[in-house]
Amino acid sequence: YADSLDGRFSISRDNAKNIVYLQMDNLKPEDTAVYYCA
């Protein structure tokens, strides 16, 4: 994780479904952005 997130985001994956998730909690205006997976 990036240090700046303060523990608000969590990444996980379900390999059976081949999906990756990004759980974002306590969102702030500065989280406004285009989000990319890679």
PDB file of all heavy atoms in Angstrom:
ATOM      1  N   TYR A   1       0.822  -1.197   0.000  1.00  0.00           N
ATOM      2  CA  TYR A   1       0.000   0.000   0.000  1.00  0.00           C
ATOM      3  C   TYR A   1       0.862   1.255   0.000  1.00  0.00           C
ATOM      4  O   TYR A   1       1.965   1.269   0.561  1.00  0.00           O
ATOM      5  CB  TYR A   1      -0.901   0.038   1.240  1.00  0.00           C
ATOM      6  CG  TYR A   1      -1.916  -1.062   1.286  1.00  0.00           C
ATOM      7  CD1 TYR A   1      -1.664  -2.238   1.998  1.00  0.00           C
ATOM      8  CD2 TYR A   1      -3.132  -0.943   0.624  1.00  0.00           C
ATOM      9  CE1 TYR A   1      -2.599  -3.263   2.041  1.00  0.00           C
ATOM     10  CE2 TYR A   1      -4.071  -1.958   0.659  1.00  0.00           C
ATOM     11  CZ  TYR A   1      -3.802  -3.115   1.365  1.00  0.00           C
ATOM     12  OH  TYR A   1      -4.735  -4.122   1.398  1.00  0.00           O
ATOM     13  N   ALA A   2       0.302   2.297  -0.598  1.00  0.00           N
ATOM     14  CA  ALA A   2       0.940   3.599  -0.491  1.00  0.00           C
ATOM     15  C   ALA A   2       0.811   4.102   0.941  1.00  0.00           C
ATOM     16  O   ALA A   2      -0.228   3.913   1.583  1.00  0.00           O
ATOM     17  CB  ALA A   2       0.264   4.582  -1.453  1.00  0.00           C
ATOM     18  N   ASP A   3       1.848   4.733   1.439  1.00  0.00           N
ATOM     19  CA  ASP A   3       1.852   5.202   2.820  1.00  0.00           C
ATOM     20  C   ASP A   3       0.771   6.242   3.080  1.00  0.00           C
ATOM     21  O   ASP A   3       0.287   6.387   4.205  1.00  0.00           O
ATOM     22  CB  ASP A   3       3.221   5.793   3.162  1.00  0.00           C
ATOM     23  CG  ASP A   3       4.308   4.741   3.194  1.00  0.00           C
ATOM     24  OD1 ASP A   3       3.981   3.548   3.374  1.00  0.00           O
ATOM     25  OD2 ASP A   3       5.491   5.106   3.023  1.00  0.00           O
ATOM     26  N   SER A   4       0.377   6.960   2.068  1.00  0.00           N
ATOM     27  CA  SER A   4      -0.539   8.085   2.247  1.00  0.00           C
ATOM     28  C   SER A   4      -1.987   7.659   2.510  1.00  0.00           C
ATOM     29  O   SER A   4      -2.817   8.493   2.834  1.00  0.00           O
ATOM     30  CB  SER A   4      -0.514   8.970   0.995  1.00  0.00           C
ATOM     31  OG  SER A   4      -0.911   8.224  -0.147  1.00  0.00           O
ATOM     32  N   LEU A   5      -2.294   6.388   2.393  1.00  0.00           N
ATOM     33  CA  LEU A   5      -3.685   5.951   2.499  1.00  0.00           C
ATOM     34  C   LEU A   5      -4.191   5.868   3.932  1.00  0.00           C
ATOM     35  O   LEU A   5      -5.397   5.792   4.162  1.00  0.00           O
ATOM     36  CB  LEU A   5      -3.854   4.593   1.826  1.00  0.00           C
ATOM     37  CG  LEU A   5      -3.590   4.556   0.322  1.00  0.00           C
ATOM     38  CD1 LEU A   5      -3.737   3.150  -0.198  1.00  0.00           C
ATOM     39  CD2 LEU A   5      -4.505   5.515  -0.415  1.00  0.00           C
ATOM     40  N   ASP A   6      -3.319   5.809   4.894  1.00  0.00           N
ATOM     41  CA  ASP A   6      -3.710   5.753   6.315  1.00  0.00           C
ATOM     42  C   ASP A   6      -4.626   4.583   6.612  1.00  0.00           C
ATOM     43  O   ASP A   6      -5.527   4.679   7.455  1.00  0.00           O
ATOM     44  CB  ASP A   6      -4.408   7.055   6.733  1.00  0.00           C
ATOM     45  CG  ASP A   6      -3.496   8.259   6.612  1.00  0.00           C
ATOM     46  OD1 ASP A   6      -2.278   8.101   6.840  1.00  0.00           O
ATOM     47  OD2 ASP A   6      -3.987   9.343   6.277  1.00  0.00           O
ATOM     48  N   GLY A   7      -4.430   3.474   5.926  1.00  0.00           N
ATOM     49  CA  GLY A   7      -5.186   2.269   6.215  1.00  0.00           C
ATOM     50  C   GLY A   7      -6.627   2.291   5.742  1.00  0.00           C
ATOM     51  O   GLY A   7      -7.415   1.426   6.121  1.00  0.00           O
ATOM     52  N   ARG A   8      -6.995   3.250   4.897  1.00  0.00           N
ATOM     53  CA  ARG A   8      -8.397   3.361   4.484  1.00  0.00           C
ATOM     54  C   ARG A   8      -8.746   2.451   3.316  1.00  0.00           C
ATOM     55  O   ARG A   8      -9.917   2.182   3.058  1.00  0.00           O
ATOM     56  CB  ARG A   8      -8.689   4.817   4.100  1.00  0.00           C
ATOM     57  CG  ARG A   8      -8.537   5.792   5.254  1.00  0.00           C
ATOM     58  CD  ARG A   8      -8.886   7.226   4.835  1.00  0.00           C
ATOM     59  NE  ARG A   8      -7.981   7.739   3.812  1.00  0.00           N
ATOM     60  CZ  ARG A   8      -8.353   8.052   2.578  1.00  0.00           C
ATOM     61  NH1 ARG A   8      -9.617   7.905   2.210  1.00  0.00           N
ATOM     62  NH2 ARG A   8      -7.474   8.518   1.705  1.00  0.00           N
ATOM     63  N   PHE A   9      -7.763   1.984   2.576  1.00  0.00           N
ATOM     64  CA  PHE A   9      -7.998   1.150   1.405  1.00  0.00           C
ATOM     65  C   PHE A   9      -7.502  -0.263   1.664  1.00  0.00           C
ATOM     66  O   PHE A   9      -6.528  -0.465   2.401  1.00  0.00           O
ATOM     67  CB  PHE A   9      -7.268   1.713   0.184  1.00  0.00           C
ATOM     68  CG  PHE A   9      -7.815   3.020  -0.329  1.00  0.00           C
ATOM     69  CD1 PHE A   9      -8.723   3.775   0.382  1.00  0.00           C
ATOM     70  CD2 PHE A   9      -7.388   3.490  -1.568  1.00  0.00           C
ATOM     71  CE1 PHE A   9      -9.216   4.969  -0.105  1.00  0.00           C
ATOM     72  CE2 PHE A   9      -7.874   4.694  -2.070  1.00  0.00           C
ATOM     73  CZ  PHE A   9      -8.782   5.431  -1.328  1.00  0.00           C
ATOM     74  N   SER A  10      -8.160  -1.212   1.018  1.00  0.00           N
ATOM     75  CA  SER A  10      -7.765  -2.609   1.164  1.00  0.00           C
ATOM     76  C   SER A  10      -7.880  -3.317  -0.178  1.00  0.00           C
ATOM     77  O   SER A  10      -8.912  -3.230  -0.843  1.00  0.00           O
ATOM     78  CB  SER A  10      -8.657  -3.300   2.200  1.00  0.00           C
ATOM     79  OG  SER A  10      -8.345  -4.682   2.290  1.00  0.00           O
ATOM     80  N   ILE A  11      -6.832  -4.016  -0.562  1.00  0.00           N
ATOM     81  CA  ILE A  11      -6.841  -4.755  -1.818  1.00  0.00           C
ATOM     82  C   ILE A  11      -6.986  -6.243  -1.537  1.00  0.00           C
ATOM     83  O   ILE A  11      -6.438  -6.755  -0.547  1.00  0.00           O
ATOM     84  CB  ILE A  11      -5.557  -4.472  -2.641  1.00  0.00           C
ATOM     85  CG1 ILE A  11      -5.669  -5.062  -4.047  1.00  0.00           C
ATOM     86  CG2 ILE A  11      -4.320  -4.994  -1.929  1.00  0.00           C
ATOM     87  CD1 ILE A  11      -4.536  -4.609  -4.976  1.00  0.00           C
ATOM     88  N   SER A  12      -7.740  -6.925  -2.370  1.00  0.00           N
ATOM     89  CA  SER A  12      -7.916  -8.359  -2.222  1.00  0.00           C
ATOM     90  C   SER A  12      -8.160  -8.962  -3.601  1.00  0.00           C
ATOM     91  O   SER A  12      -8.367  -8.236  -4.580  1.00  0.00           O
ATOM     92  CB  SER A  12      -9.088  -8.675  -1.287  1.00  0.00           C
ATOM     93  OG  SER A  12     -10.303  -8.165  -1.822  1.00  0.00           O
ATOM     94  N   ARG A  13      -8.116 -10.269  -3.661  1.00  0.00           N
ATOM     95  CA  ARG A  13      -8.371 -10.918  -4.955  1.00  0.00           C
ATOM     96  C   ARG A  13      -9.076 -12.238  -4.736  1.00  0.00           C
ATOM     97  O   ARG A  13      -8.898 -12.898  -3.710  1.00  0.00           O
ATOM     98  CB  ARG A  13      -7.074 -11.130  -5.727  1.00  0.00           C
ATOM     99  CG  ARG A  13      -6.084 -12.114  -5.150  1.00  0.00           C
ATOM    100  CD  ARG A  13      -4.757 -12.052  -5.908  1.00  0.00           C
ATOM    101  NE  ARG A  13      -4.904 -12.375  -7.312  1.00  0.00           N
ATOM    102  CZ  ARG A  13      -4.026 -11.992  -8.247  1.00  0.00           C
ATOM    103  NH1 ARG A  13      -2.957 -11.283  -7.925  1.00  0.00           N
ATOM    104  NH2 ARG A  13      -4.229 -12.320  -9.515  1.00  0.00           N
ATOM    105  N   ASP A  14      -9.896 -12.586  -5.711  1.00  0.00           N
ATOM    106  CA  ASP A  14     -10.570 -13.868  -5.743  1.00  0.00           C
ATOM    107  C   ASP A  14     -10.035 -14.580  -6.984  1.00  0.00           C
ATOM    108  O   ASP A  14     -10.486 -14.320  -8.097  1.00  0.00           O
ATOM    109  CB  ASP A  14     -12.086 -13.656  -5.832  1.00  0.00           C
ATOM    110  CG  ASP A  14     -12.870 -14.958  -5.793  1.00  0.00           C
ATOM    111  OD1 ASP A  14     -12.304 -16.013  -6.164  1.00  0.00           O
ATOM    112  OD2 ASP A  14     -14.040 -14.924  -5.421  1.00  0.00           O
ATOM    113  N   ASN A  15      -9.075 -15.444  -6.784  1.00  0.00           N
ATOM    114  CA  ASN A  15      -8.434 -16.088  -7.932  1.00  0.00           C
ATOM    115  C   ASN A  15      -9.376 -17.062  -8.641  1.00  0.00           C
ATOM    116  O   ASN A  15      -9.224 -17.322  -9.831  1.00  0.00           O
ATOM    117  CB  ASN A  15      -7.163 -16.795  -7.501  1.00  0.00           C
ATOM    118  CG  ASN A  15      -5.983 -15.832  -7.406  1.00  0.00           C
ATOM    119  OD1 ASN A  15      -6.039 -14.704  -7.906  1.00  0.00           O
ATOM    120  ND2 ASN A  15      -4.920 -16.248  -6.752  1.00  0.00           N
ATOM    121  N   ALA A  16     -10.338 -17.600  -7.925  1.00  0.00           N
ATOM    122  CA  ALA A  16     -11.296 -18.495  -8.563  1.00  0.00           C
ATOM    123  C   ALA A  16     -12.130 -17.740  -9.599  1.00  0.00           C
ATOM    124  O   ALA A  16     -12.456 -18.264 -10.663  1.00  0.00           O
ATOM    125  CB  ALA A  16     -12.201 -19.130  -7.517  1.00  0.00           C
ATOM    126  N   LYS A  17     -12.462 -16.488  -9.274  1.00  0.00           N
ATOM    127  CA  LYS A  17     -13.227 -15.647 -10.197  1.00  0.00           C
ATOM    128  C   LYS A  17     -12.325 -14.743 -11.034  1.00  0.00           C
ATOM    129  O   LYS A  17     -12.812 -14.070 -11.946  1.00  0.00           O
ATOM    130  CB  LYS A  17     -14.219 -14.790  -9.418  1.00  0.00           C
ATOM    131  CG  LYS A  17     -15.270 -15.587  -8.665  1.00  0.00           C
ATOM    132  CD  LYS A  17     -16.226 -14.648  -7.925  1.00  0.00           C
ATOM    133  CE  LYS A  17     -17.297 -15.425  -7.187  1.00  0.00           C
ATOM    134  NZ  LYS A  17     -18.218 -14.534  -6.435  1.00  0.00           N
ATOM    135  N   ASN A  18     -11.037 -14.724 -10.702  1.00  0.00           N
ATOM    136  CA  ASN A  18     -10.087 -13.881 -11.410  1.00  0.00           C
ATOM    137  C   ASN A  18     -10.479 -12.405 -11.340  1.00  0.00           C
ATOM    138  O   ASN A  18     -10.487 -11.699 -12.354  1.00  0.00           O
ATOM    139  CB  ASN A  18      -9.956 -14.324 -12.878  1.00  0.00           C
ATOM    140  CG  ASN A  18      -8.589 -14.040 -13.445  1.00  0.00           C
ATOM    141  OD1 ASN A  18      -7.657 -13.734 -12.714  1.00  0.00           O
ATOM    142  ND2 ASN A  18      -8.466 -14.113 -14.756  1.00  0.00           N
ATOM    143  N   ILE A  19     -10.811 -11.964 -10.146  1.00  0.00           N
ATOM    144  CA  ILE A  19     -11.200 -10.575  -9.914  1.00  0.00           C
ATOM    145  C   ILE A  19     -10.348 -10.014  -8.784  1.00  0.00           C
ATOM    146  O   ILE A  19     -10.075 -10.707  -7.803  1.00  0.00           O
ATOM    147  CB  ILE A  19     -12.691 -10.457  -9.544  1.00  0.00           C
ATOM    148  CG1 ILE A  19     -13.564 -10.955 -10.699  1.00  0.00           C
ATOM    149  CG2 ILE A  19     -13.046  -9.006  -9.216  1.00  0.00           C
ATOM    150  CD1 ILE A  19     -15.041 -10.943 -10.367  1.00  0.00           C
ATOM    151  N   VAL A  20      -9.953  -8.778  -8.945  1.00  0.00           N
ATOM    152  CA  VAL A  20      -9.225  -8.056  -7.911  1.00  0.00           C
ATOM    153  C   VAL A  20     -10.105  -6.902  -7.433  1.00  0.00           C
ATOM    154  O   VAL A  20     -10.737  -6.231  -8.250  1.00  0.00           O
ATOM    155  CB  VAL A  20      -7.888  -7.527  -8.439  1.00  0.00           C
ATOM    156  CG1 VAL A  20      -7.188  -6.689  -7.385  1.00  0.00           C
ATOM    157  CG2 VAL A  20      -7.003  -8.673  -8.872  1.00  0.00           C
ATOM    158  N   TYR A  21     -10.118  -6.688  -6.141  1.00  0.00           N
ATOM    159  CA  TYR A  21     -10.965  -5.658  -5.553  1.00  0.00           C
ATOM    160  C   TYR A  21     -10.114  -4.600  -4.853  1.00  0.00           C
ATOM    161  O   TYR A  21      -9.029  -4.883  -4.341  1.00  0.00           O
ATOM    162  CB  TYR A  21     -11.904  -6.273  -4.513  1.00  0.00           C
ATOM    163  CG  TYR A  21     -12.822  -7.323  -5.068  1.00  0.00           C
ATOM    164  CD1 TYR A  21     -12.542  -8.682  -4.888  1.00  0.00           C
ATOM    165  CD2 TYR A  21     -13.987  -6.978  -5.746  1.00  0.00           C
ATOM    166  CE1 TYR A  21     -13.388  -9.662  -5.387  1.00  0.00           C
ATOM    167  CE2 TYR A  21     -14.834  -7.936  -6.253  1.00  0.00           C
ATOM    168  CZ  TYR A  21     -14.529  -9.276  -6.070  1.00  0.00           C
ATOM    169  OH  TYR A  21     -15.366 -10.243  -6.565  1.00  0.00           O
ATOM    170  N   LEU A  22     -10.646  -3.402  -4.830  1.00  0.00           N
ATOM    171  CA  LEU A  22     -10.081  -2.328  -4.021  1.00  0.00           C
ATOM    172  C   LEU A  22     -11.216  -1.760  -3.182  1.00  0.00           C
ATOM    173  O   LEU A  22     -12.106  -1.090  -3.697  1.00  0.00           O
ATOM    174  CB  LEU A  22      -9.449  -1.242  -4.887  1.00  0.00           C
ATOM    175  CG  LEU A  22      -8.794  -0.111  -4.100  1.00  0.00           C
ATOM    176  CD1 LEU A  22      -7.545  -0.619  -3.371  1.00  0.00           C
ATOM    177  CD2 LEU A  22      -8.420   1.065  -5.006  1.00  0.00           C
ATOM    178  N   GLN A  23     -11.194  -2.065  -1.898  1.00  0.00           N
ATOM    179  CA  GLN A  23     -12.183  -1.530  -0.963  1.00  0.00           C
ATOM    180  C   GLN A  23     -11.683  -0.191  -0.448  1.00  0.00           C
ATOM    181  O   GLN A  23     -10.567  -0.112   0.087  1.00  0.00           O
ATOM    182  CB  GLN A  23     -12.399  -2.502   0.202  1.00  0.00           C
ATOM    183  CG  GLN A  23     -13.352  -2.007   1.258  1.00  0.00           C
ATOM    184  CD  GLN A  23     -14.781  -1.901   0.758  1.00  0.00           C
ATOM    185  OE1 GLN A  23     -15.252  -2.771   0.017  1.00  0.00           O
ATOM    186  NE2 GLN A  23     -15.473  -0.850   1.157  1.00  0.00           N
ATOM    187  N   MET A  24     -12.499   0.837  -0.612  1.00  0.00           N
ATOM    188  CA  MET A  24     -12.099   2.182  -0.203  1.00  0.00           C
ATOM    189  C   MET A  24     -13.095   2.693   0.824  1.00  0.00           C
ATOM    190  O   MET A  24     -14.292   2.808   0.529  1.00  0.00           O
ATOM    191  CB  MET A  24     -12.058   3.112  -1.421  1.00  0.00           C
ATOM    192  CG  MET A  24     -11.181   2.593  -2.549  1.00  0.00           C
ATOM    193  SD  MET A  24     -11.030   3.762  -3.912  1.00  0.00           S
ATOM    194  CE  MET A  24     -12.698   3.774  -4.532  1.00  0.00           C
ATOM    195  N   ASP A  25     -12.612   2.992   2.006  1.00  0.00           N
ATOM    196  CA  ASP A  25     -13.458   3.451   3.099  1.00  0.00           C
ATOM    197  C   ASP A  25     -13.059   4.853   3.534  1.00  0.00           C
ATOM    198  O   ASP A  25     -11.942   5.308   3.263  1.00  0.00           O
ATOM    199  CB  ASP A  25     -13.342   2.490   4.290  1.00  0.00           C
ATOM    200  CG  ASP A  25     -13.827   1.092   3.957  1.00  0.00           C
ATOM    201  OD1 ASP A  25     -14.854   0.965   3.263  1.00  0.00           O
ATOM    202  OD2 ASP A  25     -13.180   0.131   4.391  1.00  0.00           O
ATOM    203  N   ASN A  26     -13.980   5.502   4.223  1.00  0.00           N
ATOM    204  CA  ASN A  26     -13.742   6.844   4.738  1.00  0.00           C
ATOM    205  C   ASN A  26     -13.160   7.749   3.644  1.00  0.00           C
ATOM    206  O   ASN A  26     -12.125   8.402   3.839  1.00  0.00           O
ATOM    207  CB  ASN A  26     -12.796   6.787   5.938  1.00  0.00           C
ATOM    208  CG  ASN A  26     -12.705   8.104   6.671  1.00  0.00           C
ATOM    209  OD1 ASN A  26     -13.584   8.956   6.577  1.00  0.00           O
ATOM    210  ND2 ASN A  26     -11.619   8.287   7.410  1.00  0.00           N
ATOM    211  N   LEU A  27     -13.848   7.788   2.533  1.00  0.00           N
ATOM    212  CA  LEU A  27     -13.328   8.521   1.385  1.00  0.00           C
ATOM    213  C   LEU A  27     -13.304  10.020   1.631  1.00  0.00           C
ATOM    214  O   LEU A  27     -14.166  10.573   2.326  1.00  0.00           O
ATOM    215  CB  LEU A  27     -14.153   8.195   0.142  1.00  0.00           C
ATOM    216  CG  LEU A  27     -13.839   6.812  -0.455  1.00  0.00           C
ATOM    217  CD1 LEU A  27     -14.956   6.356  -1.375  1.00  0.00           C
ATOM    218  CD2 LEU A  27     -12.518   6.850  -1.192  1.00  0.00           C
ATOM    219  N   LYS A  28     -12.293  10.660   1.050  1.00  0.00           N
ATOM    220  CA  LYS A  28     -12.076  12.093   1.203  1.00  0.00           C
ATOM    221  C   LYS A  28     -12.117  12.756  -0.174  1.00  0.00           C
ATOM    222  O   LYS A  28     -11.895  12.084  -1.182  1.00  0.00           O
ATOM    223  CB  LYS A  28     -10.722  12.342   1.852  1.00  0.00           C
ATOM    224  CG  LYS A  28     -10.537  11.644   3.195  1.00  0.00           C
ATOM    225  CD  LYS A  28      -9.139  11.864   3.735  1.00  0.00           C
ATOM    226  CE  LYS A  28      -8.952  11.158   5.072  1.00  0.00           C
ATOM    227  NZ  LYS A  28      -7.587  11.363   5.625  1.00  0.00           N
ATOM    228  N   PRO A  29     -12.360  14.059  -0.214  1.00  0.00           N
ATOM    229  CA  PRO A  29     -12.377  14.740  -1.518  1.00  0.00           C
ATOM    230  C   PRO A  29     -11.088  14.533  -2.305  1.00  0.00           C
ATOM    231  O   PRO A  29     -11.129  14.436  -3.539  1.00  0.00           O
ATOM    232  CB  PRO A  29     -12.567  16.210  -1.137  1.00  0.00           C
ATOM    233  CG  PRO A  29     -13.309  16.160   0.151  1.00  0.00           C
ATOM    234  CD  PRO A  29     -12.766  14.949   0.872  1.00  0.00           C
ATOM    235  N   GLU A  30      -9.954  14.423  -1.623  1.00  0.00           N
ATOM    236  CA  GLU A  30      -8.679  14.235  -2.317  1.00  0.00           C
ATOM    237  C   GLU A  30      -8.530  12.844  -2.916  1.00  0.00           C
ATOM    238  O   GLU A  30      -7.552  12.568  -3.617  1.00  0.00           O
ATOM    239  CB  GLU A  30      -7.493  14.533  -1.384  1.00  0.00           C
ATOM    240  CG  GLU A  30      -7.538  13.800  -0.062  1.00  0.00           C
ATOM    241  CD  GLU A  30      -8.140  14.651   1.046  1.00  0.00           C
ATOM    242  OE1 GLU A  30      -9.139  15.358   0.785  1.00  0.00           O
ATOM    243  OE2 GLU A  30      -7.614  14.585   2.176  1.00  0.00           O
ATOM    244  N   ASP A  31      -9.483  11.958  -2.652  1.00  0.00           N
ATOM    245  CA  ASP A  31      -9.469  10.640  -3.303  1.00  0.00           C
ATOM    246  C   ASP A  31     -10.116  10.697  -4.688  1.00  0.00           C
ATOM    247  O   ASP A  31     -10.093   9.690  -5.421  1.00  0.00           O
ATOM    248  CB  ASP A  31     -10.204   9.611  -2.449  1.00  0.00           C
ATOM    249  CG  ASP A  31      -9.516   9.354  -1.122  1.00  0.00           C
ATOM    250  OD1 ASP A  31      -8.271   9.239  -1.119  1.00  0.00           O
ATOM    251  OD2 ASP A  31     -10.216   9.289  -0.095  1.00  0.00           O
ATOM    252  N   THR A  32     -10.695  11.827  -5.029  1.00  0.00           N
ATOM    253  CA  THR A  32     -11.275  11.986  -6.361  1.00  0.00           C
ATOM    254  C   THR A  32     -10.196  11.844  -7.420  1.00  0.00           C
ATOM    255  O   THR A  32      -9.187  12.539  -7.397  1.00  0.00           O
ATOM    256  CB  THR A  32     -11.945  13.363  -6.486  1.00  0.00           C
ATOM    257  OG1 THR A  32     -13.054  13.425  -5.582  1.00  0.00           O
ATOM    258  CG2 THR A  32     -12.435  13.607  -7.909  1.00  0.00           C
ATOM    259  N   ALA A  33     -10.404  10.898  -8.326  1.00  0.00           N
ATOM    260  CA  ALA A  33      -9.398  10.606  -9.335  1.00  0.00           C
ATOM    261  C   ALA A  33      -9.943   9.561 -10.302  1.00  0.00           C
ATOM    262  O   ALA A  33     -10.994   8.962 -10.052  1.00  0.00           O
ATOM    263  CB  ALA A  33      -8.117  10.072  -8.686  1.00  0.00           C
ATOM    264  N   VAL A  34      -9.198   9.350 -11.357  1.00  0.00           N
ATOM    265  CA  VAL A  34      -9.440   8.193 -12.224  1.00  0.00           C
ATOM    266  C   VAL A  34      -8.600   7.057 -11.679  1.00  0.00           C
ATOM    267  O   VAL A  34      -7.388   7.218 -11.476  1.00  0.00           O
ATOM    268  CB  VAL A  34      -9.073   8.493 -13.682  1.00  0.00           C
ATOM    269  CG1 VAL A  34      -9.274   7.246 -14.543  1.00  0.00           C
ATOM    270  CG2 VAL A  34      -9.909   9.647 -14.219  1.00  0.00           C
ATOM    271  N   TYR A  35      -9.233   5.924 -11.445  1.00  0.00           N
ATOM    272  CA  TYR A  35      -8.556   4.770 -10.864  1.00  0.00           C
ATOM    273  C   TYR A  35      -8.300   3.720 -11.940  1.00  0.00           C
ATOM    274  O   TYR A  35      -9.200   3.393 -12.729  1.00  0.00           O
ATOM    275  CB  TYR A  35      -9.397   4.181  -9.731  1.00  0.00           C
ATOM    276  CG  TYR A  35      -9.332   5.000  -8.473  1.00  0.00           C
ATOM    277  CD1 TYR A  35      -9.949   6.250  -8.397  1.00  0.00           C
ATOM    278  CD2 TYR A  35      -8.623   4.555  -7.363  1.00  0.00           C
ATOM    279  CE1 TYR A  35      -9.859   7.031  -7.261  1.00  0.00           C
ATOM    280  CE2 TYR A  35      -8.542   5.326  -6.202  1.00  0.00           C
ATOM    281  CZ  TYR A  35      -9.164   6.558  -6.163  1.00  0.00           C
ATOM    282  OH  TYR A  35      -9.070   7.321  -5.022  1.00  0.00           O
ATOM    283  N   TYR A  36      -7.086   3.204 -11.946  1.00  0.00           N
ATOM    284  CA  TYR A  36      -6.662   2.231 -12.936  1.00  0.00           C
ATOM    285  C   TYR A  36      -6.222   0.935 -12.259  1.00  0.00           C
ATOM    286  O   TYR A  36      -5.520   0.977 -11.244  1.00  0.00           O
ATOM    287  CB  TYR A  36      -5.465   2.751 -13.737  1.00  0.00           C
ATOM    288  CG  TYR A  36      -5.709   4.011 -14.511  1.00  0.00           C
ATOM    289  CD1 TYR A  36      -5.522   5.262 -13.924  1.00  0.00           C
ATOM    290  CD2 TYR A  36      -6.099   3.965 -15.840  1.00  0.00           C
ATOM    291  CE1 TYR A  36      -5.732   6.427 -14.630  1.00  0.00           C
ATOM    292  CE2 TYR A  36      -6.307   5.132 -16.569  1.00  0.00           C
ATOM    293  CZ  TYR A  36      -6.128   6.351 -15.953  1.00  0.00           C
ATOM    294  OH  TYR A  36      -6.327   7.504 -16.670  1.00  0.00           O
ATOM    295  N   CYS A  37      -6.601  -0.188 -12.832  1.00  0.00           N
ATOM    296  CA  CYS A  37      -5.995  -1.432 -12.384  1.00  0.00           C
ATOM    297  C   CYS A  37      -4.967  -1.862 -13.432  1.00  0.00           C
ATOM    298  O   CYS A  37      -5.039  -1.461 -14.595  1.00  0.00           O
ATOM    299  CB  CYS A  37      -7.019  -2.526 -12.146  1.00  0.00           C
ATOM    300  SG  CYS A  37      -7.790  -3.210 -13.621  1.00  0.00           S
ATOM    301  N   ALA A  38      -4.021  -2.659 -12.988  1.00  0.00           N
ATOM    302  CA  ALA A  38      -2.931  -3.081 -13.856  1.00  0.00           C
ATOM    303  C   ALA A  38      -2.447  -4.467 -13.446  1.00  0.00           C
ATOM    304  O   ALA A  38      -2.594  -4.857 -12.283  1.00  0.00           O
ATOM    305  CB  ALA A  38      -1.779  -2.078 -13.789  1.00  0.00           C
TER     306      ALA A  38
END
